[in-house]
Amino acid sequence: MEKIVNYSVDNVTVYKDRARMTCKGMLQVDAGFHKLIFDELPLTLDSESVQVGGGGTAQVRIVGVDVSRRHYELAPAQRVRELEAQIEQIVDEIQVLDDNQTGLEAQIEHLQGLRQATREFARGLSRGRTSVEDQSRLMLFLSEQDDKLRAAMRETYQKRRGLDRHLSKLQAELNDLRSARPRQRFQARIEVEVLNSGEFGPELTYMVRAAGWQPLYDLRLIEMDEGQVLEVNTFAQVTQRTGQDWSNVHLSVSTARPALNRRLPELKPWYVDEYLVPLPRAQRSRSAELEPAMAAMAAPLQEAVPYDDAALDYVEADVAVAEVREGESTVTFDVAGQWDIPSDGSPNKMMLAKFRLDPKINYLAIPRHTDAVYRRATVFNKGSGPMLEGDASLFVGDEFIGKSRVEYTPIDGELELLLGVEERIRIERELTKRAVDKRLLRENRLLRYGYKIELKNLMASVVEVEVQDQIPVSRHEQIKVKLEQVSPEPAERSDLNIMEWQLSIKPETEANIQYEYLIEHPRGLKVTGLTE
């Protein structure tokens, strides 16, 4: 005997490029052999991944399962009924507006008749039955009533226009469903042997494509009385186009990569050959080569709801976070609550974790390129799980300062972040000397350059600033570059003449860096690259 299972999607585990879904149902079964049918399964289903289970008061033995494609002549009846009910409701609302409009038009016509009865007004005035003041008040009343009625007419027209648009949309969708070609879906037929009758809840688990998730972060640097803290909000952004809506499901996201477990990669022959000059092609248009710029936008801040301190105590809202389950090589986040995720590809953002870290703040300045001093934070991941690779929105207090990228950081791992510009640290780089040594003009030319870098700390605390600068690097054996008169000495100097100073600057004080370098080359040798 065949029985259709009335099922719903209960659990979904989302991976990077697919998802595992568990569907559950419940039905009454009698002793004997039955075929339980899970109908309307999506075409993105991987038939090799199907697993069957379940339980209940009935003693059931699962004999086998068969998954096959089915063709359907009609569009889904449930969606058709929903559209027809919505259309009927809108038609009723339009009829109410039409009736109101008819009544308003009748009242306006009556007012127009009263306003045009000038002969009766003149006759009443001549016979002393009414005065000029009475007729003025009457005309003012008629004008006010006319304004009110016409405003009501305009409002009715606007409502009718919106309903007409919605009605056209629903009718077009209904027509598409009714005229659609035969659809294809998967159907799972589970053969079971029932040893004693009762209730049985079958479970069908399968993998689907066209689903995935990615981690996102909000990183917020907060000034507190005891110092600065970095608040980390971790989110999962889930999208799916599986062809099956997920309604009221328990959701998990996982770092596992089931797609990579099917086949090992193979090395193929690696050929080298003679280079042949390619044939000229038509030059591409410049507009085709330009990529559209992506502008980062901060989410608008919500205004605080006023409350009465005397009547209520302020209680900060709790944040529901995910439960973390770590395997040997994977991490799974069980998202709090139940979720509705439609199969339209729209992004759905959900909270995974929220925690605070103690950052080590220092600053970086590269005055040769900019007078901005960048704020850097180094933190150790003290959350309940690893921080996965993903995009991050950066905030200092409530101010959005830009976007960044979080690299994979295990528990207790170190993460370095760039958190915008610190305006309270000023820096200036000045050319103090540019001279030619005339004593060596007969053979070599000797150029001397001098620079001064000034920093000022306007903050109320000591700051640690790393300053980077450089002098030229010679690429010719007859061009000599020599650094001299450096104060203070750089903490590091690379082979490419990039220098780093580590400065500790007290509040409301200044620090200076000075250095000079010489460039020596033959008089007849033309040198490039000296201009900054």
Protein backbone atom coordinates (compact mmCIF):
# COMPACT_ATOMS: atom_id res chain seq x y z
CA MET A 1 0.00 0.00 0.00
CA GLU A 2 1.28 3.44 -0.90
CA LYS A 3 1.09 6.27 1.62
CA ILE A 4 1.99 9.91 0.93
CA VAL A 5 4.06 11.35 3.77
CA ASN A 6 3.06 14.84 4.84
CA TYR A 7 6.55 16.09 5.75
CA SER A 8 8.40 19.29 6.52
CA VAL A 9 12.06 20.28 6.55
CA ASP A 10 13.18 20.05 10.18
CA ASN A 11 16.99 20.36 10.29
CA VAL A 12 19.41 21.95 7.82
CA THR A 13 23.20 21.92 8.03
CA VAL A 14 24.74 24.36 5.56
CA TYR A 15 28.26 23.89 4.17
CA LYS A 16 30.27 26.21 1.95
CA ASP A 17 28.62 25.08 -1.30
CA ARG A 18 25.78 22.74 -0.34
CA ALA A 19 23.49 21.72 2.51
CA ARG A 20 22.29 18.58 4.28
CA MET A 21 18.55 18.53 4.88
CA THR A 22 16.46 16.33 7.18
CA CYS A 23 12.74 16.00 6.44
CA LYS A 24 10.35 14.54 9.01
CA GLY A 25 6.77 13.37 8.85
CA MET A 26 4.25 11.33 10.87
CA LEU A 27 1.58 8.87 9.78
CA GLN A 28 -0.45 5.89 10.97
CA VAL A 29 0.63 2.50 9.58
CA ASP A 30 -0.91 -0.96 9.81
CA ALA A 31 0.89 -4.27 9.81
CA GLY A 32 2.18 -5.35 6.41
CA PHE A 33 4.28 -3.93 3.59
CA HIS A 34 3.96 -0.27 2.64
CA LYS A 35 5.60 2.25 0.34
CA LEU A 36 6.02 5.64 1.99
CA ILE A 37 6.34 8.45 -0.57
CA PHE A 38 8.23 11.69 -0.01
CA ASP A 39 6.96 13.78 -2.92
CA GLU A 40 8.04 17.16 -4.36
CA LEU A 41 11.75 16.86 -3.52
CA PRO A 42 14.00 19.46 -5.23
CA LEU A 43 16.01 18.78 -8.39
CA THR A 44 19.17 19.95 -6.63
CA LEU A 45 19.03 16.79 -4.53
CA ASP A 46 21.99 14.39 -4.73
CA SER A 47 20.29 10.99 -5.09
CA GLU A 48 23.39 9.14 -3.87
CA SER A 49 23.26 10.98 -0.52
CA VAL A 50 19.75 9.90 0.51
CA GLN A 51 19.45 8.23 3.92
CA VAL A 52 16.30 6.94 5.66
CA GLY A 53 15.46 6.54 9.33
CA GLY A 54 12.70 7.27 11.78
CA GLY A 55 10.79 5.85 14.71
CA GLY A 56 7.48 5.72 16.51
CA THR A 57 5.08 3.43 18.33
CA ALA A 58 4.92 1.06 15.36
CA GLN A 59 7.65 -1.55 14.92
CA VAL A 60 8.99 -0.88 11.42
CA ARG A 61 11.73 -2.48 9.34
CA ILE A 62 13.08 -0.38 6.44
CA VAL A 63 13.50 -2.61 3.41
CA GLY A 64 14.80 -0.13 0.79
CA VAL A 65 14.53 3.30 -0.78
CA ASP A 66 14.28 4.39 -4.38
CA VAL A 67 14.77 7.96 -5.63
CA SER A 68 13.55 8.87 -9.12
CA ARG A 69 12.49 11.86 -11.19
CA ARG A 70 8.79 12.49 -11.61
CA HIS A 71 6.98 14.70 -14.13
CA TYR A 72 3.96 16.69 -12.99
CA GLU A 73 1.25 18.02 -15.26
CA LEU A 74 -0.04 20.69 -12.91
CA ALA A 75 1.60 23.49 -11.02
CA PRO A 76 1.60 23.19 -7.22
CA ALA A 77 -2.02 23.36 -6.09
CA GLN A 78 -1.19 24.97 -2.76
CA ARG A 79 0.43 28.02 -4.36
CA VAL A 80 -2.47 28.32 -6.83
CA ARG A 81 -4.97 28.32 -3.97
CA GLU A 82 -2.94 30.93 -2.11
CA LEU A 83 -2.85 33.21 -5.16
CA GLU A 84 -6.57 32.78 -5.84
CA ALA A 85 -7.41 33.67 -2.21
CA GLN A 86 -5.20 36.79 -2.38
CA ILE A 87 -6.81 37.84 -5.68
CA GLU A 88 -10.32 37.44 -4.22
CA GLN A 89 -9.39 39.55 -1.20
CA ILE A 90 -7.99 42.34 -3.40
CA VAL A 91 -11.05 42.26 -5.64
CA ASP A 92 -13.26 42.70 -2.56
CA GLU A 93 -11.14 45.64 -1.40
CA ILE A 94 -11.39 47.24 -4.85
CA GLN A 95 -15.19 46.86 -4.77
CA VAL A 96 -15.33 48.66 -1.40
CA LEU A 97 -13.26 51.52 -2.84
CA ASP A 98 -15.51 51.68 -5.92
CA ASP A 99 -18.59 51.94 -3.70
CA ASN A 100 -16.96 54.71 -1.65
CA GLN A 101 -16.00 56.51 -4.83
CA THR A 102 -19.58 56.34 -6.15
CA GLY A 103 -20.90 57.88 -2.89
CA LEU A 104 -18.29 60.66 -2.99
CA GLU A 105 -19.13 61.49 -6.60
CA ALA A 106 -22.83 61.76 -5.68
CA GLN A 107 -22.05 64.14 -2.81
CA ILE A 108 -19.85 66.30 -5.03
CA GLU A 109 -22.59 66.46 -7.65
CA HIS A 110 -25.09 67.54 -4.97
CA LEU A 111 -22.76 70.31 -3.79
CA GLN A 112 -22.29 71.51 -7.35
CA GLY A 113 -26.07 71.75 -7.70
CA LEU A 114 -26.34 73.86 -4.56
CA ARG A 115 -23.51 76.13 -5.65
CA GLN A 116 -25.11 76.74 -9.06
CA ALA A 117 -28.51 77.69 -7.61
CA THR A 118 -27.67 81.41 -7.88
CA ARG A 119 -31.22 82.36 -8.90
CA GLU A 120 -32.66 80.98 -5.67
CA PHE A 121 -29.96 82.80 -3.66
CA ALA A 122 -30.77 86.10 -5.35
CA ARG A 123 -34.54 85.62 -4.84
CA GLY A 124 -34.09 84.90 -1.14
CA LEU A 125 -31.85 87.94 -0.73
CA SER A 126 -34.33 90.26 -2.51
CA ARG A 127 -37.25 89.10 -0.37
CA GLY A 128 -35.30 89.49 2.85
CA ARG A 129 -35.42 85.78 3.73
CA THR A 130 -31.62 85.65 3.98
CA SER A 131 -28.73 88.07 4.38
CA VAL A 132 -25.41 88.51 2.60
CA GLU A 133 -23.63 87.15 5.69
CA ASP A 134 -25.81 84.01 5.66
CA GLN A 135 -25.09 83.38 1.99
CA SER A 136 -21.33 83.95 2.60
CA ARG A 137 -21.35 81.37 5.38
CA LEU A 138 -23.24 78.97 3.12
CA MET A 139 -20.74 79.40 0.27
CA LEU A 140 -17.81 78.90 2.69
CA PHE A 141 -19.45 75.72 3.99
CA LEU A 142 -19.96 74.42 0.45
CA SER A 143 -16.30 75.16 -0.40
CA GLU A 144 -15.02 73.35 2.70
CA GLN A 145 -17.19 70.32 2.01
CA ASP A 146 -16.04 70.27 -1.59
CA ASP A 147 -12.36 70.28 -0.48
CA LYS A 148 -12.94 67.40 1.96
CA LEU A 149 -14.78 65.30 -0.62
CA ARG A 150 -12.15 65.85 -3.29
CA ALA A 151 -9.34 64.94 -0.82
CA ALA A 152 -11.22 61.73 -0.02
CA MET A 153 -11.55 61.07 -3.78
CA ARG A 154 -7.78 61.50 -4.27
CA GLU A 155 -7.06 59.10 -1.41
CA THR A 156 -9.44 56.56 -2.93
CA TYR A 157 -7.73 56.86 -6.32
CA GLN A 158 -4.31 56.27 -4.73
CA LYS A 159 -5.47 53.18 -2.86
CA ARG A 160 -7.16 51.86 -5.99
CA ARG A 161 -3.99 52.38 -8.05
CA GLY A 162 -1.88 50.40 -5.55
CA LEU A 163 -4.42 47.57 -5.43
CA ASP A 164 -4.61 47.43 -9.24
CA ARG A 165 -0.82 47.00 -9.46
CA HIS A 166 -0.80 44.25 -6.85
CA LEU A 167 -3.73 42.53 -8.57
CA SER A 168 -1.92 42.57 -11.93
CA LYS A 169 1.17 41.03 -10.35
CA LEU A 170 -0.78 38.22 -8.69
CA GLN A 171 -2.77 37.49 -11.85
CA ALA A 172 0.41 37.31 -13.91
CA GLU A 173 1.97 34.89 -11.42
CA LEU A 174 -1.19 32.77 -11.39
CA ASN A 175 -1.27 32.67 -15.20
CA ASP A 176 2.39 31.58 -15.27
CA LEU A 177 1.66 28.71 -12.90
CA ARG A 178 -1.40 27.59 -14.83
CA SER A 179 0.36 27.71 -18.20
CA ALA A 180 3.70 26.28 -17.02
CA ARG A 181 5.18 23.28 -18.75
CA PRO A 182 5.14 19.95 -16.91
CA ARG A 183 7.51 20.20 -13.92
CA GLN A 184 10.13 17.76 -12.78
CA ARG A 185 10.83 16.84 -9.19
CA PHE A 186 12.45 14.02 -7.28
CA GLN A 187 10.36 11.48 -5.43
CA ALA A 188 11.62 9.12 -2.74
CA ARG A 189 9.75 5.82 -2.28
CA ILE A 190 10.61 4.04 0.96
CA GLU A 191 9.61 0.39 1.24
CA VAL A 192 8.92 -0.67 4.84
CA GLU A 193 7.61 -3.73 6.63
CA VAL A 194 5.36 -2.94 9.61
CA LEU A 195 5.43 -5.69 12.22
CA ASN A 196 2.80 -4.11 14.46
CA SER A 197 0.55 -1.14 13.72
CA GLY A 198 0.94 2.31 15.25
CA GLU A 199 2.43 5.69 14.48
CA PHE A 200 5.66 5.99 12.53
CA GLY A 201 7.69 9.14 11.86
CA PRO A 202 9.94 8.61 8.81
CA GLU A 203 13.03 10.78 8.39
CA LEU A 204 14.64 11.48 5.02
CA THR A 205 18.13 13.03 4.91
CA TYR A 206 19.82 14.19 1.69
CA MET A 207 22.33 16.67 0.30
CA VAL A 208 21.36 19.53 -2.00
CA ARG A 209 23.40 21.87 -4.13
CA ALA A 210 22.86 25.64 -4.66
CA ALA A 211 23.20 26.50 -0.97
CA GLY A 212 26.05 27.89 1.09
CA TRP A 213 27.20 30.29 3.78
CA GLN A 214 30.03 32.68 4.55
CA PRO A 215 31.20 34.23 7.83
CA LEU A 216 30.89 37.99 8.39
CA TYR A 217 32.14 40.15 11.25
CA ASP A 218 31.37 43.43 12.95
CA LEU A 219 34.50 44.56 14.84
CA ARG A 220 33.93 47.51 17.17
CA LEU A 221 36.61 49.31 19.21
CA ILE A 222 34.97 50.69 22.37
CA GLU A 223 36.44 53.23 24.80
CA MET A 224 35.71 52.27 28.41
CA ASP A 225 36.80 53.63 31.79
CA GLU A 226 39.22 50.75 32.29
CA GLY A 227 40.60 50.99 28.75
CA GLN A 228 39.76 49.92 25.22
CA VAL A 229 38.01 46.66 24.29
CA LEU A 230 37.33 45.09 20.90
CA GLU A 231 33.80 43.78 20.55
CA VAL A 232 33.52 40.95 18.01
CA ASN A 233 30.15 40.08 16.48
CA THR A 234 30.30 36.99 14.27
CA PHE A 235 27.56 36.30 11.72
CA ALA A 236 26.72 33.66 9.17
CA GLN A 237 25.24 34.80 5.86
CA VAL A 238 23.22 31.94 4.35
CA THR A 239 21.83 31.85 0.82
CA GLN A 240 20.04 29.07 -1.01
CA ARG A 241 18.43 28.39 -4.38
CA THR A 242 17.67 24.73 -3.83
CA GLY A 243 14.10 24.94 -5.10
CA GLN A 244 12.68 24.15 -1.65
CA ASP A 245 11.85 26.80 0.95
CA TRP A 246 13.14 26.23 4.48
CA SER A 247 10.39 27.12 6.94
CA ASN A 248 10.82 27.10 10.71
CA VAL A 249 13.96 24.94 10.54
CA HIS A 250 16.74 24.26 13.03
CA LEU A 251 19.81 25.63 11.28
CA SER A 252 23.51 24.80 11.58
CA VAL A 253 26.48 25.99 9.57
CA SER A 254 29.61 23.90 9.22
CA THR A 255 33.18 24.32 8.01
CA ALA A 256 33.24 20.75 6.66
CA ARG A 257 33.85 20.36 2.92
CA PRO A 258 31.95 17.23 1.82
CA ALA A 259 32.45 18.03 -1.87
CA LEU A 260 36.21 17.42 -1.55
CA ASN A 261 35.85 13.91 -0.17
CA ARG A 262 34.72 12.28 -3.38
CA ARG A 263 37.90 12.14 -5.41
CA LEU A 264 41.54 12.94 -4.89
CA PRO A 265 43.01 15.56 -7.22
CA GLU A 266 45.17 14.19 -10.01
CA LEU A 267 48.35 15.65 -11.46
CA LYS A 268 48.20 15.98 -15.24
CA PRO A 269 51.12 16.44 -17.66
CA TRP A 270 52.80 19.85 -17.51
CA TYR A 271 54.02 20.85 -20.96
CA VAL A 272 56.50 23.49 -22.08
CA ASP A 273 56.79 24.52 -25.70
CA GLU A 274 58.10 27.22 -28.01
CA TYR A 275 56.52 30.61 -27.47
CA LEU A 276 54.59 31.84 -30.49
CA VAL A 277 53.65 35.49 -30.82
CA PRO A 278 49.85 35.69 -30.64
CA LEU A 279 47.90 37.23 -33.47
CA PRO A 280 46.77 40.82 -32.82
CA ARG A 281 43.25 41.17 -31.55
CA ALA A 282 40.88 44.07 -31.58
CA GLN A 283 41.57 46.41 -28.71
CA ARG A 284 39.03 46.10 -25.99
CA SER A 285 37.11 49.16 -25.00
CA ARG A 286 38.30 50.89 -21.90
CA SER A 287 34.86 50.75 -20.36
CA ALA A 288 34.86 46.95 -20.53
CA GLU A 289 38.05 46.80 -18.51
CA LEU A 290 36.87 48.98 -15.68
CA GLU A 291 35.34 47.27 -12.70
CA PRO A 292 32.54 48.95 -10.79
CA ALA A 293 33.64 50.40 -7.46
CA MET A 294 32.02 48.91 -4.38
CA ALA A 295 31.10 51.54 -1.79
CA ALA A 296 31.01 50.33 1.82
CA MET A 297 27.98 51.59 3.68
CA ALA A 298 27.46 51.48 7.37
CA ALA A 299 24.17 50.22 8.75
CA PRO A 300 22.07 53.11 10.12
CA LEU A 301 22.13 53.40 13.88
CA GLN A 302 18.85 52.89 15.68
CA GLU A 303 17.68 55.69 17.90
CA ALA A 304 17.40 54.82 21.56
CA VAL A 305 13.84 54.38 22.85
CA PRO A 306 13.12 56.88 25.62
CA TYR A 307 12.09 55.45 28.96
CA ASP A 308 11.26 56.71 32.43
CA ASP A 309 14.16 56.09 34.84
CA ALA A 310 11.86 56.44 37.81
CA ALA A 311 9.42 53.80 36.58
CA LEU A 312 11.65 51.25 34.81
CA ASP A 313 15.15 49.87 35.20
CA TYR A 314 17.12 49.76 31.97
CA VAL A 315 17.97 46.18 30.98
CA GLU A 316 20.28 45.57 28.03
CA ALA A 317 18.96 43.02 25.52
CA ASP A 318 20.55 39.60 25.49
CA VAL A 319 21.97 38.27 22.24
CA ALA A 320 21.26 34.67 21.25
CA VAL A 321 24.46 33.05 20.02
CA ALA A 322 25.21 29.74 18.36
CA GLU A 323 26.43 26.62 20.13
CA VAL A 324 29.84 25.54 18.86
CA ARG A 325 30.66 21.88 18.20
CA GLU A 326 34.25 21.12 17.24
CA GLY A 327 35.31 17.92 15.50
CA GLU A 328 38.78 16.75 14.67
CA SER A 329 38.99 18.93 11.57
CA THR A 330 35.66 20.78 11.36
CA VAL A 331 33.59 23.25 13.36
CA THR A 332 29.78 23.35 13.39
CA PHE A 333 27.71 26.26 14.71
CA ASP A 334 24.16 25.40 15.83
CA VAL A 335 22.27 28.66 15.28
CA ALA A 336 19.85 29.70 18.02
CA GLY A 337 16.13 29.74 17.22
CA GLN A 338 14.29 28.58 14.13
CA TRP A 339 14.60 30.17 10.71
CA ASP A 340 12.67 30.79 7.50
CA ILE A 341 14.96 30.94 4.47
CA PRO A 342 13.25 31.18 1.07
CA SER A 343 14.71 29.60 -2.03
CA ASP A 344 15.27 32.89 -3.84
CA GLY A 345 18.96 33.45 -3.20
CA SER A 346 18.38 36.36 -0.81
CA PRO A 347 21.04 36.66 1.93
CA ASN A 348 19.98 35.80 5.47
CA LYS A 349 22.25 37.02 8.27
CA MET A 350 22.26 35.36 11.68
CA MET A 351 24.34 35.76 14.84
CA LEU A 352 26.90 33.08 15.66
CA ALA A 353 28.91 34.61 18.49
CA LYS A 354 29.48 37.82 20.42
CA PHE A 355 32.43 38.38 22.71
CA ARG A 356 34.96 40.99 23.75
CA LEU A 357 38.73 40.88 23.50
CA ASP A 358 41.48 42.94 25.11
CA PRO A 359 43.39 44.52 22.23
CA LYS A 360 46.96 45.71 22.25
CA ILE A 361 46.76 49.05 20.46
CA ASN A 362 49.66 50.65 18.63
CA TYR A 363 49.93 53.03 15.72
CA LEU A 364 51.61 53.02 12.33
CA ALA A 365 52.79 56.07 10.38
CA ILE A 366 54.25 56.18 6.87
CA PRO A 367 54.75 59.94 6.44
CA ARG A 368 56.43 59.65 3.02
CA HIS A 369 53.01 58.73 1.63
CA THR A 370 50.44 60.24 4.01
CA ASP A 371 50.09 62.31 7.15
CA ALA A 372 47.53 59.84 8.52
CA VAL A 373 48.47 57.74 11.56
CA TYR A 374 46.80 54.33 11.45
CA ARG A 375 45.44 52.54 14.48
CA ARG A 376 46.38 48.85 14.79
CA ALA A 377 44.97 46.28 17.20
CA THR A 378 46.55 42.94 18.02
CA VAL A 379 44.25 40.47 19.79
CA PHE A 380 44.23 36.81 20.77
CA ASN A 381 41.09 34.86 19.94
CA LYS A 382 39.47 34.02 23.29
CA GLY A 383 36.09 33.09 21.80
CA SER A 384 34.41 29.69 22.00
CA GLY A 385 35.51 28.74 18.49
CA PRO A 386 37.92 29.69 15.74
CA MET A 387 37.47 32.87 13.72
CA LEU A 388 36.96 31.82 10.12
CA GLU A 389 38.14 33.75 7.09
CA GLY A 390 35.60 36.39 6.10
CA ASP A 391 34.80 40.06 5.49
CA ALA A 392 34.61 42.43 8.44
CA SER A 393 32.95 45.80 9.00
CA LEU A 394 35.05 48.03 11.26
CA PHE A 395 33.68 50.50 13.82
CA VAL A 396 35.25 52.81 16.37
CA GLY A 397 32.46 53.44 18.83
CA ASP A 398 29.40 54.04 16.65
CA GLU A 399 31.40 55.36 13.69
CA PHE A 400 31.82 53.09 10.67
CA ILE A 401 35.41 53.38 9.41
CA GLY A 402 35.56 50.83 6.58
CA LYS A 403 35.92 47.20 5.61
CA SER A 404 38.64 44.67 6.23
CA ARG A 405 39.32 40.95 6.02
CA VAL A 406 39.68 38.50 8.90
CA GLU A 407 42.06 35.62 8.30
CA TYR A 408 41.50 32.21 9.86
CA THR A 409 42.42 32.49 13.54
CA PRO A 410 42.22 29.42 15.83
CA ILE A 411 41.37 29.63 19.52
CA ASP A 412 44.18 31.52 21.28
CA GLY A 413 45.56 32.51 17.87
CA GLU A 414 46.82 36.03 17.14
CA LEU A 415 44.98 38.42 14.84
CA GLU A 416 46.14 41.86 13.70
CA LEU A 417 43.58 44.42 12.50
CA LEU A 418 43.82 47.91 11.03
CA LEU A 419 41.21 50.11 12.72
CA GLY A 420 41.19 53.37 10.83
CA VAL A 421 43.01 56.67 11.43
CA GLU A 422 43.79 58.26 14.78
CA GLU A 423 43.33 62.01 14.35
CA ARG A 424 44.79 62.81 17.79
CA ILE A 425 48.29 61.85 16.67
CA ARG A 426 49.81 64.36 14.24
CA ILE A 427 52.79 63.70 12.00
CA GLU A 428 54.69 65.85 9.50
CA ARG A 429 57.67 65.03 7.26
CA GLU A 430 59.81 67.96 6.10
CA LEU A 431 62.74 68.20 3.69
CA THR A 432 65.37 70.12 5.67
CA LYS A 433 68.41 69.88 3.39
CA ARG A 434 69.16 69.44 -0.28
CA ALA A 435 72.72 70.41 -1.24
CA VAL A 436 75.53 69.62 -3.68
CA ASP A 437 79.08 69.22 -2.33
CA LYS A 438 81.10 71.49 -4.64
CA ARG A 439 84.47 70.12 -3.48
CA LEU A 440 83.94 66.98 -5.57
CA LEU A 441 82.60 68.58 -8.70
CA ARG A 442 85.71 67.65 -10.78
CA GLU A 443 85.15 63.89 -10.49
CA ASN A 444 81.94 62.87 -8.75
CA ARG A 445 78.74 64.61 -7.87
CA LEU A 446 77.72 64.37 -4.20
CA LEU A 447 74.11 65.11 -3.19
CA ARG A 448 73.06 65.47 0.42
CA TYR A 449 69.40 65.18 1.57
CA GLY A 450 68.06 65.74 5.07
CA TYR A 451 64.59 65.06 6.52
CA LYS A 452 62.84 65.75 9.77
CA ILE A 453 59.75 63.87 10.99
CA GLU A 454 57.74 65.48 13.80
CA LEU A 455 55.08 63.64 15.81
CA LYS A 456 52.72 65.08 18.42
CA ASN A 457 50.54 63.07 20.79
CA LEU A 458 47.28 64.89 21.62
CA MET A 459 45.82 61.92 23.49
CA ALA A 460 45.56 61.57 27.28
CA SER A 461 47.67 58.41 27.39
CA VAL A 462 51.06 57.14 26.24
CA VAL A 463 51.03 55.84 22.68
CA GLU A 464 53.33 53.40 20.88
CA VAL A 465 53.96 54.53 17.30
CA GLU A 466 55.83 52.66 14.58
CA VAL A 467 57.23 55.05 11.95
CA GLN A 468 58.37 53.73 8.57
CA ASP A 469 60.48 55.68 6.10
CA GLN A 470 63.07 54.93 3.45
CA ILE A 471 66.06 56.17 1.49
CA PRO A 472 66.91 55.24 -2.13
CA VAL A 473 68.40 51.88 -3.15
CA SER A 474 71.15 51.90 -5.79
CA ARG A 475 70.75 49.63 -8.77
CA HIS A 476 74.00 50.79 -10.42
CA GLU A 477 77.52 50.00 -9.24
CA GLN A 478 78.71 53.61 -9.72
CA ILE A 479 75.85 55.10 -7.69
CA LYS A 480 76.53 55.04 -3.94
CA VAL A 481 73.89 55.69 -1.25
CA LYS A 482 74.96 56.22 2.35
CA LEU A 483 72.83 56.89 5.44
CA GLU A 484 74.34 59.15 8.12
CA GLN A 485 73.40 61.42 11.06
CA VAL A 486 70.33 59.41 12.11
CA SER A 487 68.63 60.39 15.38
CA PRO A 488 67.33 58.24 16.94
CA GLU A 489 68.72 55.06 15.41
CA PRO A 490 66.04 52.98 13.63
CA ALA A 491 64.99 49.75 15.29
CA GLU A 492 65.23 47.95 11.96
CA ARG A 493 66.68 48.64 8.54
CA SER A 494 66.09 46.25 5.65
CA ASP A 495 68.29 45.47 2.66
CA LEU A 496 66.00 47.74 0.63
CA ASN A 497 66.75 50.69 2.95
CA ILE A 498 63.35 50.67 4.62
CA MET A 499 63.71 51.95 8.19
CA GLU A 500 61.45 51.43 11.19
CA TRP A 501 61.39 53.39 14.45
CA GLN A 502 59.47 52.31 17.55
CA LEU A 503 58.55 55.43 19.52
CA SER A 504 56.80 55.79 22.89
CA ILE A 505 55.25 59.27 23.13
CA LYS A 506 53.84 60.67 26.35
CA PRO A 507 50.57 62.68 26.42
CA GLU A 508 50.74 66.21 25.01
CA THR A 509 54.39 65.80 23.98
CA GLU A 510 56.33 65.66 20.74
CA ALA A 511 58.92 63.31 19.25
CA ASN A 512 61.30 63.98 16.37
CA ILE A 513 63.22 61.83 13.89
CA GLN A 514 66.06 63.31 11.84
CA TYR A 515 68.31 61.73 9.27
CA GLU A 516 70.51 62.58 6.30
CA TYR A 517 71.78 60.51 3.39
CA LEU A 518 74.32 61.01 0.62
CA ILE A 519 74.15 60.03 -3.04
CA GLU A 520 77.44 59.93 -4.95
CA HIS A 521 77.76 59.28 -8.69
CA PRO A 522 80.01 60.26 -11.63
CA ARG A 523 79.33 63.72 -12.97
CA GLY A 524 78.52 62.46 -16.46
CA LEU A 525 76.11 59.77 -15.25
CA LYS A 526 72.48 60.71 -15.50
CA VAL A 527 70.54 59.45 -12.45
CA THR A 528 66.80 58.82 -12.29
CA GLY A 529 64.54 58.30 -9.31
CA LEU A 530 65.79 61.13 -7.10
CA THR A 531 62.54 63.08 -7.16
CA GLU A 532 60.02 61.93 -4.55
